[in-house]
Amino acid sequence: DNKKAKTVQKGYLPNLNSLYKKKKGICFDYAATMTAMLRSQGV
C-alpha cells in the first residue's frame, strides 16, 4: 500500500482483521501478519 506508506502515522499498529479484508499493507503489516499466522501454528 504505497499511499499508506506515505501517510502512516507514528504509533501505528496493524489491525489484522482489517488487513485480511483489504489484503494491502506496509512492511510492518506483512511482517505482523505472517508472524501471527506462524505463532498461531506453534512456530
ModelCIF file with pLDDT and N, C-alpha, C, O atoms, coordinates in Angstrom:
data_MODEL
#
_entry.id   MODEL 
#
_entity.id                         1 
_entity.type                       polymer 
_entity.pdbx_number_of_molecules   1 
#
_entity_poly.entity_id                      1 
_entity_poly.type                           'polypeptide(L)' 
_entity_poly.nstd_linkage                   no 
_entity_poly.nstd_monomer                   no 
_entity_poly.pdbx_seq_one_letter_code       DNKKAKTVQKGYLPNLNSLYKKKKGICFDYAATMTAMLRSQGV 
_entity_poly.pdbx_seq_one_letter_code_can   DNKKAKTVQKGYLPNLNSLYKKKKGICFDYAATMTAMLRSQGV 
_entity_poly.pdbx_strand_id                 A 
#
loop_
_entity_poly_seq.entity_id 
_entity_poly_seq.num 
_entity_poly_seq.mon_id 
_entity_poly_seq.hetero 
1 1  ASP n 
1 2  ASN n 
1 3  LYS n 
1 4  LYS n 
1 5  ALA n 
1 6  LYS n 
1 7  THR n 
1 8  VAL n 
1 9  GLN n 
1 10 LYS n 
1 11 GLY n 
1 12 TYR n 
1 13 LEU n 
1 14 PRO n 
1 15 ASN n 
1 16 LEU n 
1 17 ASN n 
1 18 SER n 
1 19 LEU n 
1 20 TYR n 
1 21 LYS n 
1 22 LYS n 
1 23 LYS n 
1 24 LYS n 
1 25 GLY n 
1 26 ILE n 
1 27 CYS n 
1 28 PHE n 
1 29 ASP n 
1 30 TYR n 
1 31 ALA n 
1 32 ALA n 
1 33 THR n 
1 34 MET n 
1 35 THR n 
1 36 ALA n 
1 37 MET n 
1 38 LEU n 
1 39 ARG n 
1 40 SER n 
1 41 GLN n 
1 42 GLY n 
1 43 VAL n 
#
_struct_asym.id          A 
_struct_asym.entity_id   1 
#
loop_
_ma_qa_metric.id 
_ma_qa_metric.mode 
_ma_qa_metric.name 
_ma_qa_metric.software_group_id 
_ma_qa_metric.type 
1 global pLDDT . pLDDT 
2 local  pLDDT . pLDDT 
#
_ma_qa_metric_global.metric_id      1 
_ma_qa_metric_global.metric_value   92.16 
_ma_qa_metric_global.model_id       1 
_ma_qa_metric_global.ordinal_id     1 
#
loop_
_ma_qa_metric_local.label_asym_id 
_ma_qa_metric_local.label_comp_id 
_ma_qa_metric_local.label_seq_id 
_ma_qa_metric_local.metric_id 
_ma_qa_metric_local.metric_value 
_ma_qa_metric_local.model_id 
_ma_qa_metric_local.ordinal_id 
A ASP 1  2 88.00 1 1  
A ASN 2  2 84.00 1 2  
A LYS 3  2 91.00 1 3  
A LYS 4  2 90.00 1 4  
A ALA 5  2 84.00 1 5  
A LYS 6  2 87.00 1 6  
A THR 7  2 93.00 1 7  
A VAL 8  2 88.00 1 8  
A GLN 9  2 88.00 1 9  
A LYS 10 2 85.00 1 10 
A GLY 11 2 87.00 1 11 
A TYR 12 2 90.00 1 12 
A LEU 13 2 94.00 1 13 
A PRO 14 2 95.00 1 14 
A ASN 15 2 96.00 1 15 
A LEU 16 2 97.00 1 16 
A ASN 17 2 97.00 1 17 
A SER 18 2 96.00 1 18 
A LEU 19 2 96.00 1 19 
A TYR 20 2 97.00 1 20 
A LYS 21 2 96.00 1 21 
A LYS 22 2 95.00 1 22 
A LYS 23 2 93.00 1 23 
A LYS 24 2 92.00 1 24 
A GLY 25 2 90.00 1 25 
A ILE 26 2 88.00 1 26 
A CYS 27 2 84.00 1 27 
A PHE 28 2 90.00 1 28 
A ASP 29 2 92.00 1 29 
A TYR 30 2 87.00 1 30 
A ALA 31 2 91.00 1 31 
A ALA 32 2 95.00 1 32 
A THR 33 2 96.00 1 33 
A MET 34 2 92.00 1 34 
A THR 35 2 96.00 1 35 
A ALA 36 2 97.00 1 36 
A MET 37 2 96.00 1 37 
A LEU 38 2 95.00 1 38 
A ARG 39 2 96.00 1 39 
A SER 40 2 97.00 1 40 
A GLN 41 2 95.00 1 41 
A GLY 42 2 94.00 1 42 
A VAL 43 2 93.00 1 43 
#
loop_
_atom_site.group_PDB 
_atom_site.id 
_atom_site.type_symbol 
_atom_site.label_atom_id 
_atom_site.label_alt_id 
_atom_site.label_comp_id 
_atom_site.label_asym_id 
_atom_site.label_entity_id 
_atom_site.label_seq_id 
_atom_site.pdbx_PDB_ins_code 
_atom_site.Cartn_x 
_atom_site.Cartn_y 
_atom_site.Cartn_z 
_atom_site.occupancy 
_atom_site.B_iso_or_equiv 
_atom_site.pdbx_formal_charge 
_atom_site.auth_seq_id 
_atom_site.auth_comp_id 
_atom_site.auth_asym_id 
_atom_site.auth_atom_id 
_atom_site.pdbx_PDB_model_num 
ATOM 1   N N  . ASP A 1 1  ? 0.846   -1.192  0.000  1.00 88.00 ? 1  ASP A N  1 
ATOM 2   C CA . ASP A 1 1  ? 0.000   0.000   0.000  1.00 88.00 ? 1  ASP A CA 1 
ATOM 3   C C  . ASP A 1 1  ? 0.885   1.246   0.000  1.00 88.00 ? 1  ASP A C  1 
ATOM 4   O O  . ASP A 1 1  ? 1.306   1.716   1.057  1.00 88.00 ? 1  ASP A O  1 
ATOM 5   N N  . ASN A 1 2  ? 1.160   1.771   -1.178 1.00 84.00 ? 2  ASN A N  1 
ATOM 6   C CA . ASN A 1 2  ? 2.049   2.925   -1.300 1.00 84.00 ? 2  ASN A CA 1 
ATOM 7   C C  . ASN A 1 2  ? 1.468   4.175   -0.647 1.00 84.00 ? 2  ASN A C  1 
ATOM 8   O O  . ASN A 1 2  ? 2.203   4.958   -0.046 1.00 84.00 ? 2  ASN A O  1 
ATOM 9   N N  . LYS A 1 3  ? 0.162   4.365   -0.760 1.00 91.00 ? 3  LYS A N  1 
ATOM 10  C CA . LYS A 1 3  ? -0.471  5.527   -0.146 1.00 91.00 ? 3  LYS A CA 1 
ATOM 11  C C  . LYS A 1 3  ? -0.337  5.480   1.368  1.00 91.00 ? 3  LYS A C  1 
ATOM 12  O O  . LYS A 1 3  ? -0.027  6.488   2.003  1.00 91.00 ? 3  LYS A O  1 
ATOM 13  N N  . LYS A 1 4  ? -0.573  4.308   1.940  1.00 90.00 ? 4  LYS A N  1 
ATOM 14  C CA . LYS A 1 4  ? -0.447  4.141   3.392  1.00 90.00 ? 4  LYS A CA 1 
ATOM 15  C C  . LYS A 1 4  ? 0.981   4.389   3.843  1.00 90.00 ? 4  LYS A C  1 
ATOM 16  O O  . LYS A 1 4  ? 1.211   4.998   4.888  1.00 90.00 ? 4  LYS A O  1 
ATOM 17  N N  . ALA A 1 5  ? 1.934   3.921   3.058  1.00 84.00 ? 5  ALA A N  1 
ATOM 18  C CA . ALA A 1 5  ? 3.347   4.102   3.404  1.00 84.00 ? 5  ALA A CA 1 
ATOM 19  C C  . ALA A 1 5  ? 3.713   5.578   3.510  1.00 84.00 ? 5  ALA A C  1 
ATOM 20  O O  . ALA A 1 5  ? 4.569   5.949   4.313  1.00 84.00 ? 5  ALA A O  1 
ATOM 21  N N  . LYS A 1 6  ? 3.068   6.421   2.705  1.00 87.00 ? 6  LYS A N  1 
ATOM 22  C CA . LYS A 1 6  ? 3.367   7.851   2.696  1.00 87.00 ? 6  LYS A CA 1 
ATOM 23  C C  . LYS A 1 6  ? 2.627   8.619   3.795  1.00 87.00 ? 6  LYS A C  1 
ATOM 24  O O  . LYS A 1 6  ? 3.029   9.719   4.175  1.00 87.00 ? 6  LYS A O  1 
ATOM 25  N N  . THR A 1 7  ? 1.536   8.025   4.298  1.00 93.00 ? 7  THR A N  1 
ATOM 26  C CA . THR A 1 7  ? 0.684   8.772   5.230  1.00 93.00 ? 7  THR A CA 1 
ATOM 27  C C  . THR A 1 7  ? 0.608   8.152   6.623  1.00 93.00 ? 7  THR A C  1 
ATOM 28  O O  . THR A 1 7  ? -0.007  8.737   7.515  1.00 93.00 ? 7  THR A O  1 
ATOM 29  N N  . VAL A 1 8  ? 1.221   6.975   6.834  1.00 88.00 ? 8  VAL A N  1 
ATOM 30  C CA . VAL A 1 8  ? 1.102   6.281   8.113  1.00 88.00 ? 8  VAL A CA 1 
ATOM 31  C C  . VAL A 1 8  ? 1.628   7.156   9.251  1.00 88.00 ? 8  VAL A C  1 
ATOM 32  O O  . VAL A 1 8  ? 2.661   7.812   9.117  1.00 88.00 ? 8  VAL A O  1 
ATOM 33  N N  . GLN A 1 9  ? 0.912   7.158   10.357 1.00 88.00 ? 9  GLN A N  1 
ATOM 34  C CA . GLN A 1 9  ? 1.258   7.999   11.499 1.00 88.00 ? 9  GLN A CA 1 
ATOM 35  C C  . GLN A 1 9  ? 2.142   7.256   12.495 1.00 88.00 ? 9  GLN A C  1 
ATOM 36  O O  . GLN A 1 9  ? 2.105   6.029   12.586 1.00 88.00 ? 9  GLN A O  1 
ATOM 37  N N  . LYS A 1 10 ? 2.924   8.012   13.226 1.00 85.00 ? 10 LYS A N  1 
ATOM 38  C CA . LYS A 1 10 ? 3.757   7.445   14.287 1.00 85.00 ? 10 LYS A CA 1 
ATOM 39  C C  . LYS A 1 10 ? 2.863   6.757   15.314 1.00 85.00 ? 10 LYS A C  1 
ATOM 40  O O  . LYS A 1 10 ? 1.822   7.294   15.693 1.00 85.00 ? 10 LYS A O  1 
ATOM 41  N N  . GLY A 1 11 ? 3.269   5.567   15.766 1.00 87.00 ? 11 GLY A N  1 
ATOM 42  C CA . GLY A 1 11 ? 2.479   4.819   16.724 1.00 87.00 ? 11 GLY A CA 1 
ATOM 43  C C  . GLY A 1 11 ? 1.482   3.873   16.079 1.00 87.00 ? 11 GLY A C  1 
ATOM 44  O O  . GLY A 1 11 ? 0.695   3.233   16.775 1.00 87.00 ? 11 GLY A O  1 
ATOM 45  N N  . TYR A 1 12 ? 1.507   3.779   14.745 1.00 90.00 ? 12 TYR A N  1 
ATOM 46  C CA . TYR A 1 12 ? 0.592   2.883   14.036 1.00 90.00 ? 12 TYR A CA 1 
ATOM 47  C C  . TYR A 1 12 ? 0.797   1.432   14.464 1.00 90.00 ? 12 TYR A C  1 
ATOM 48  O O  . TYR A 1 12 ? 1.927   0.978   14.643 1.00 90.00 ? 12 TYR A O  1 
ATOM 49  N N  . LEU A 1 13 ? -0.322  0.707   14.628 1.00 94.00 ? 13 LEU A N  1 
ATOM 50  C CA . LEU A 1 13 ? -0.297  -0.714  14.945 1.00 94.00 ? 13 LEU A CA 1 
ATOM 51  C C  . LEU A 1 13 ? -1.183  -1.467  13.951 1.00 94.00 ? 13 LEU A C  1 
ATOM 52  O O  . LEU A 1 13 ? -2.289  -1.012  13.662 1.00 94.00 ? 13 LEU A O  1 
ATOM 53  N N  . PRO A 1 14 ? -0.730  -2.602  13.422 1.00 95.00 ? 14 PRO A N  1 
ATOM 54  C CA . PRO A 1 14 ? -1.537  -3.356  12.470 1.00 95.00 ? 14 PRO A CA 1 
ATOM 55  C C  . PRO A 1 14 ? -2.820  -3.912  13.096 1.00 95.00 ? 14 PRO A C  1 
ATOM 56  O O  . PRO A 1 14 ? -2.801  -4.425  14.215 1.00 95.00 ? 14 PRO A O  1 
ATOM 57  N N  . ASN A 1 15 ? -3.924  -3.806  12.368 1.00 96.00 ? 15 ASN A N  1 
ATOM 58  C CA . ASN A 1 15 ? -5.183  -4.458  12.725 1.00 96.00 ? 15 ASN A CA 1 
ATOM 59  C C  . ASN A 1 15 ? -5.349  -5.619  11.756 1.00 96.00 ? 15 ASN A C  1 
ATOM 60  O O  . ASN A 1 15 ? -5.667  -5.411  10.585 1.00 96.00 ? 15 ASN A O  1 
ATOM 61  N N  . LEU A 1 16 ? -5.137  -6.836  12.236 1.00 97.00 ? 16 LEU A N  1 
ATOM 62  C CA . LEU A 1 16 ? -5.053  -7.973  11.330 1.00 97.00 ? 16 LEU A CA 1 
ATOM 63  C C  . LEU A 1 16 ? -6.368  -8.288  10.621 1.00 97.00 ? 16 LEU A C  1 
ATOM 64  O O  . LEU A 1 16 ? -6.346  -8.693  9.459  1.00 97.00 ? 16 LEU A O  1 
ATOM 65  N N  . ASN A 1 17 ? -7.499  -8.117  11.278 1.00 97.00 ? 17 ASN A N  1 
ATOM 66  C CA . ASN A 1 17 ? -8.765  -8.395  10.603 1.00 97.00 ? 17 ASN A CA 1 
ATOM 67  C C  . ASN A 1 17 ? -9.047  -7.370  9.502  1.00 97.00 ? 17 ASN A C  1 
ATOM 68  O O  . ASN A 1 17 ? -9.614  -7.711  8.464  1.00 97.00 ? 17 ASN A O  1 
ATOM 69  N N  . SER A 1 18 ? -8.654  -6.130  9.729  1.00 96.00 ? 18 SER A N  1 
ATOM 70  C CA . SER A 1 18 ? -8.788  -5.115  8.688  1.00 96.00 ? 18 SER A CA 1 
ATOM 71  C C  . SER A 1 18 ? -7.873  -5.422  7.514  1.00 96.00 ? 18 SER A C  1 
ATOM 72  O O  . SER A 1 18 ? -8.259  -5.255  6.357  1.00 96.00 ? 18 SER A O  1 
ATOM 73  N N  . LEU A 1 19 ? -6.664  -5.869  7.813  1.00 96.00 ? 19 LEU A N  1 
ATOM 74  C CA . LEU A 1 19 ? -5.714  -6.236  6.757  1.00 96.00 ? 19 LEU A CA 1 
ATOM 75  C C  . LEU A 1 19 ? -6.209  -7.432  5.957  1.00 96.00 ? 19 LEU A C  1 
ATOM 76  O O  . LEU A 1 19 ? -6.005  -7.500  4.744  1.00 96.00 ? 19 LEU A O  1 
ATOM 77  N N  . TYR A 1 20 ? -6.853  -8.368  6.627  1.00 97.00 ? 20 TYR A N  1 
ATOM 78  C CA . TYR A 1 20 ? -7.377  -9.553  5.937  1.00 97.00 ? 20 TYR A CA 1 
ATOM 79  C C  . TYR A 1 20 ? -8.409  -9.148  4.885  1.00 97.00 ? 20 TYR A C  1 
ATOM 80  O O  . TYR A 1 20 ? -8.462  -9.724  3.799  1.00 97.00 ? 20 TYR A O  1 
ATOM 81  N N  . LYS A 1 21 ? -9.219  -8.160  5.218  1.00 96.00 ? 21 LYS A N  1 
ATOM 82  C CA . LYS A 1 21 ? -10.249 -7.699  4.291  1.00 96.00 ? 21 LYS A CA 1 
ATOM 83  C C  . LYS A 1 21 ? -9.638  -6.924  3.124  1.00 96.00 ? 21 LYS A C  1 
ATOM 84  O O  . LYS A 1 21 ? -10.057 -7.091  1.978  1.00 96.00 ? 21 LYS A O  1 
ATOM 85  N N  . LYS A 1 22 ? -8.654  -6.081  3.412  1.00 95.00 ? 22 LYS A N  1 
ATOM 86  C CA . LYS A 1 22 ? -8.078  -5.218  2.373  1.00 95.00 ? 22 LYS A CA 1 
ATOM 87  C C  . LYS A 1 22 ? -6.993  -5.913  1.550  1.00 95.00 ? 22 LYS A C  1 
ATOM 88  O O  . LYS A 1 22 ? -6.814  -5.617  0.369  1.00 95.00 ? 22 LYS A O  1 
ATOM 89  N N  . LYS A 1 23 ? -6.273  -6.838  2.186  1.00 93.00 ? 23 LYS A N  1 
ATOM 90  C CA . LYS A 1 23 ? -5.143  -7.528  1.552  1.00 93.00 ? 23 LYS A CA 1 
ATOM 91  C C  . LYS A 1 23 ? -4.103  -6.525  1.026  1.00 93.00 ? 23 LYS A C  1 
ATOM 92  O O  . LYS A 1 23 ? -3.435  -6.778  0.024  1.00 93.00 ? 23 LYS A O  1 
ATOM 93  N N  . LYS A 1 24 ? -3.981  -5.401  1.709  1.00 92.00 ? 24 LYS A N  1 
ATOM 94  C CA . LYS A 1 24 ? -2.988  -4.385  1.359  1.00 92.00 ? 24 LYS A CA 1 
ATOM 95  C C  . LYS A 1 24 ? -2.339  -3.868  2.632  1.00 92.00 ? 24 LYS A C  1 
ATOM 96  O O  . LYS A 1 24 ? -3.000  -3.742  3.663  1.00 92.00 ? 24 LYS A O  1 
ATOM 97  N N  . GLY A 1 25 ? -1.034  -3.567  2.563  1.00 90.00 ? 25 GLY A N  1 
ATOM 98  C CA . GLY A 1 25 ? -0.386  -3.055  3.760  1.00 90.00 ? 25 GLY A CA 1 
ATOM 99  C C  . GLY A 1 25 ? 1.043   -2.629  3.502  1.00 90.00 ? 25 GLY A C  1 
ATOM 100 O O  . GLY A 1 25 ? 1.553   -2.730  2.386  1.00 90.00 ? 25 GLY A O  1 
ATOM 101 N N  . ILE A 1 26 ? 1.679   -2.149  4.559  1.00 88.00 ? 26 ILE A N  1 
ATOM 102 C CA . ILE A 1 26 ? 3.089   -1.765  4.507  1.00 88.00 ? 26 ILE A CA 1 
ATOM 103 C C  . ILE A 1 26 ? 3.928   -2.899  5.099  1.00 88.00 ? 26 ILE A C  1 
ATOM 104 O O  . ILE A 1 26 ? 3.379   -3.917  5.519  1.00 88.00 ? 26 ILE A O  1 
ATOM 105 N N  . CYS A 1 27 ? 5.235   -2.735  5.135  1.00 84.00 ? 27 CYS A N  1 
ATOM 106 C CA . CYS A 1 27 ? 6.112   -3.819  5.573  1.00 84.00 ? 27 CYS A CA 1 
ATOM 107 C C  . CYS A 1 27 ? 5.769   -4.306  6.977  1.00 84.00 ? 27 CYS A C  1 
ATOM 108 O O  . CYS A 1 27 ? 5.837   -5.505  7.244  1.00 84.00 ? 27 CYS A O  1 
ATOM 109 N N  . PHE A 1 28 ? 5.404   -3.401  7.875  1.00 90.00 ? 28 PHE A N  1 
ATOM 110 C CA . PHE A 1 28 ? 5.008   -3.746  9.233  1.00 90.00 ? 28 PHE A CA 1 
ATOM 111 C C  . PHE A 1 28 ? 3.803   -4.684  9.197  1.00 90.00 ? 28 PHE A C  1 
ATOM 112 O O  . PHE A 1 28 ? 3.729   -5.645  9.963  1.00 90.00 ? 28 PHE A O  1 
ATOM 113 N N  . ASP A 1 29 ? 2.856   -4.393  8.295  1.00 92.00 ? 29 ASP A N  1 
ATOM 114 C CA . ASP A 1 29 ? 1.654   -5.224  8.165  1.00 92.00 ? 29 ASP A CA 1 
ATOM 115 C C  . ASP A 1 29 ? 1.996   -6.628  7.668  1.00 92.00 ? 29 ASP A C  1 
ATOM 116 O O  . ASP A 1 29 ? 1.494   -7.618  8.199  1.00 92.00 ? 29 ASP A O  1 
ATOM 117 N N  . TYR A 1 30 ? 2.845   -6.709  6.659  1.00 87.00 ? 30 TYR A N  1 
ATOM 118 C CA . TYR A 1 30 ? 3.269   -8.008  6.131  1.00 87.00 ? 30 TYR A CA 1 
ATOM 119 C C  . TYR A 1 30 ? 3.905   -8.842  7.239  1.00 87.00 ? 30 TYR A C  1 
ATOM 120 O O  . TYR A 1 30 ? 3.556   -10.007 7.432  1.00 87.00 ? 30 TYR A O  1 
ATOM 121 N N  . ALA A 1 31 ? 4.839   -8.232  7.959  1.00 91.00 ? 31 ALA A N  1 
ATOM 122 C CA . ALA A 1 31 ? 5.576   -8.968  8.991  1.00 91.00 ? 31 ALA A CA 1 
ATOM 123 C C  . ALA A 1 31 ? 4.664   -9.386  10.138 1.00 91.00 ? 31 ALA A C  1 
ATOM 124 O O  . ALA A 1 31 ? 4.760   -10.512 10.624 1.00 91.00 ? 31 ALA A O  1 
ATOM 125 N N  . ALA A 1 32 ? 3.778   -8.487  10.577 1.00 95.00 ? 32 ALA A N  1 
ATOM 126 C CA . ALA A 1 32 ? 2.865   -8.811  11.672 1.00 95.00 ? 32 ALA A CA 1 
ATOM 127 C C  . ALA A 1 32 ? 1.899   -9.918  11.266 1.00 95.00 ? 32 ALA A C  1 
ATOM 128 O O  . ALA A 1 32 ? 1.589   -10.801 12.066 1.00 95.00 ? 32 ALA A O  1 
ATOM 129 N N  . THR A 1 33 ? 1.423   -9.871  10.020 1.00 96.00 ? 33 THR A N  1 
ATOM 130 C CA . THR A 1 33 ? 0.510   -10.897 9.517  1.00 96.00 ? 33 THR A CA 1 
ATOM 131 C C  . THR A 1 33 ? 1.161   -12.271 9.538  1.00 96.00 ? 33 THR A C  1 
ATOM 132 O O  . THR A 1 33 ? 0.593   -13.229 10.063 1.00 96.00 ? 33 THR A O  1 
ATOM 133 N N  . MET A 1 34 ? 2.346   -12.359 8.969  1.00 92.00 ? 34 MET A N  1 
ATOM 134 C CA . MET A 1 34 ? 2.997   -13.663 8.890  1.00 92.00 ? 34 MET A CA 1 
ATOM 135 C C  . MET A 1 34 ? 3.421   -14.154 10.268 1.00 92.00 ? 34 MET A C  1 
ATOM 136 O O  . MET A 1 34 ? 3.365   -15.353 10.543 1.00 92.00 ? 34 MET A O  1 
ATOM 137 N N  . THR A 1 35 ? 3.842   -13.244 11.131 1.00 96.00 ? 35 THR A N  1 
ATOM 138 C CA . THR A 1 35 ? 4.221   -13.615 12.496 1.00 96.00 ? 35 THR A CA 1 
ATOM 139 C C  . THR A 1 35 ? 3.029   -14.196 13.247 1.00 96.00 ? 35 THR A C  1 
ATOM 140 O O  . THR A 1 35 ? 3.156   -15.230 13.903 1.00 96.00 ? 35 THR A O  1 
ATOM 141 N N  . ALA A 1 36 ? 1.874   -13.541 13.158 1.00 97.00 ? 36 ALA A N  1 
ATOM 142 C CA . ALA A 1 36 ? 0.670   -14.039 13.837 1.00 97.00 ? 36 ALA A CA 1 
ATOM 143 C C  . ALA A 1 36 ? 0.261   -15.404 13.300 1.00 97.00 ? 36 ALA A C  1 
ATOM 144 O O  . ALA A 1 36 ? -0.083  -16.299 14.072 1.00 97.00 ? 36 ALA A O  1 
ATOM 145 N N  . MET A 1 37 ? 0.298   -15.567 11.996 1.00 96.00 ? 37 MET A N  1 
ATOM 146 C CA . MET A 1 37 ? -0.103  -16.830 11.387 1.00 96.00 ? 37 MET A CA 1 
ATOM 147 C C  . MET A 1 37 ? 0.802   -17.971 11.847 1.00 96.00 ? 37 MET A C  1 
ATOM 148 O O  . MET A 1 37 ? 0.321   -19.055 12.179 1.00 96.00 ? 37 MET A O  1 
ATOM 149 N N  . LEU A 1 38 ? 2.106   -17.727 11.866 1.00 95.00 ? 38 LEU A N  1 
ATOM 150 C CA . LEU A 1 38 ? 3.051   -18.771 12.259 1.00 95.00 ? 38 LEU A CA 1 
ATOM 151 C C  . LEU A 1 38 ? 2.983   -19.060 13.758 1.00 95.00 ? 38 LEU A C  1 
ATOM 152 O O  . LEU A 1 38 ? 3.008   -20.222 14.164 1.00 95.00 ? 38 LEU A O  1 
ATOM 153 N N  . ARG A 1 39 ? 2.898   -18.029 14.570 1.00 96.00 ? 39 ARG A N  1 
ATOM 154 C CA . ARG A 1 39 ? 2.796   -18.258 16.022 1.00 96.00 ? 39 ARG A CA 1 
ATOM 155 C C  . ARG A 1 39 ? 1.545   -19.052 16.360 1.00 96.00 ? 39 ARG A C  1 
ATOM 156 O O  . ARG A 1 39 ? 1.559   -19.902 17.251 1.00 96.00 ? 39 ARG A O  1 
ATOM 157 N N  . SER A 1 40 ? 0.469   -18.770 15.646 1.00 97.00 ? 40 SER A N  1 
ATOM 158 C CA . SER A 1 40 ? -0.774  -19.493 15.923 1.00 97.00 ? 40 SER A CA 1 
ATOM 159 C C  . SER A 1 40 ? -0.670  -20.962 15.542 1.00 97.00 ? 40 SER A C  1 
ATOM 160 O O  . SER A 1 40 ? -1.510  -21.770 15.940 1.00 97.00 ? 40 SER A O  1 
ATOM 161 N N  . GLN A 1 41 ? 0.347   -21.309 14.779 1.00 95.00 ? 41 GLN A N  1 
ATOM 162 C CA . GLN A 1 41 ? 0.598   -22.700 14.419 1.00 95.00 ? 41 GLN A CA 1 
ATOM 163 C C  . GLN A 1 41 ? 1.773   -23.282 15.209 1.00 95.00 ? 41 GLN A C  1 
ATOM 164 O O  . GLN A 1 41 ? 2.322   -24.322 14.846 1.00 95.00 ? 41 GLN A O  1 
ATOM 165 N N  . GLY A 1 42 ? 2.152   -22.598 16.295 1.00 94.00 ? 42 GLY A N  1 
ATOM 166 C CA . GLY A 1 42 ? 3.188   -23.105 17.182 1.00 94.00 ? 42 GLY A CA 1 
ATOM 167 C C  . GLY A 1 42 ? 4.603   -22.948 16.671 1.00 94.00 ? 42 GLY A C  1 
ATOM 168 O O  . GLY A 1 42 ? 5.513   -23.597 17.187 1.00 94.00 ? 42 GLY A O  1 
ATOM 169 N N  . VAL A 1 43 ? 4.819   -22.103 15.665 1.00 93.00 ? 43 VAL A N  1 
ATOM 170 C CA . VAL A 1 43 ? 6.155   -21.873 15.119 1.00 93.00 ? 43 VAL A CA 1 
ATOM 171 C C  . VAL A 1 43 ? 6.731   -20.597 15.734 1.00 93.00 ? 43 VAL A C  1 
ATOM 172 O O  . VAL A 1 43 ? 7.855   -20.210 15.414 1.00 93.00 ? 43 VAL A O  1 
#
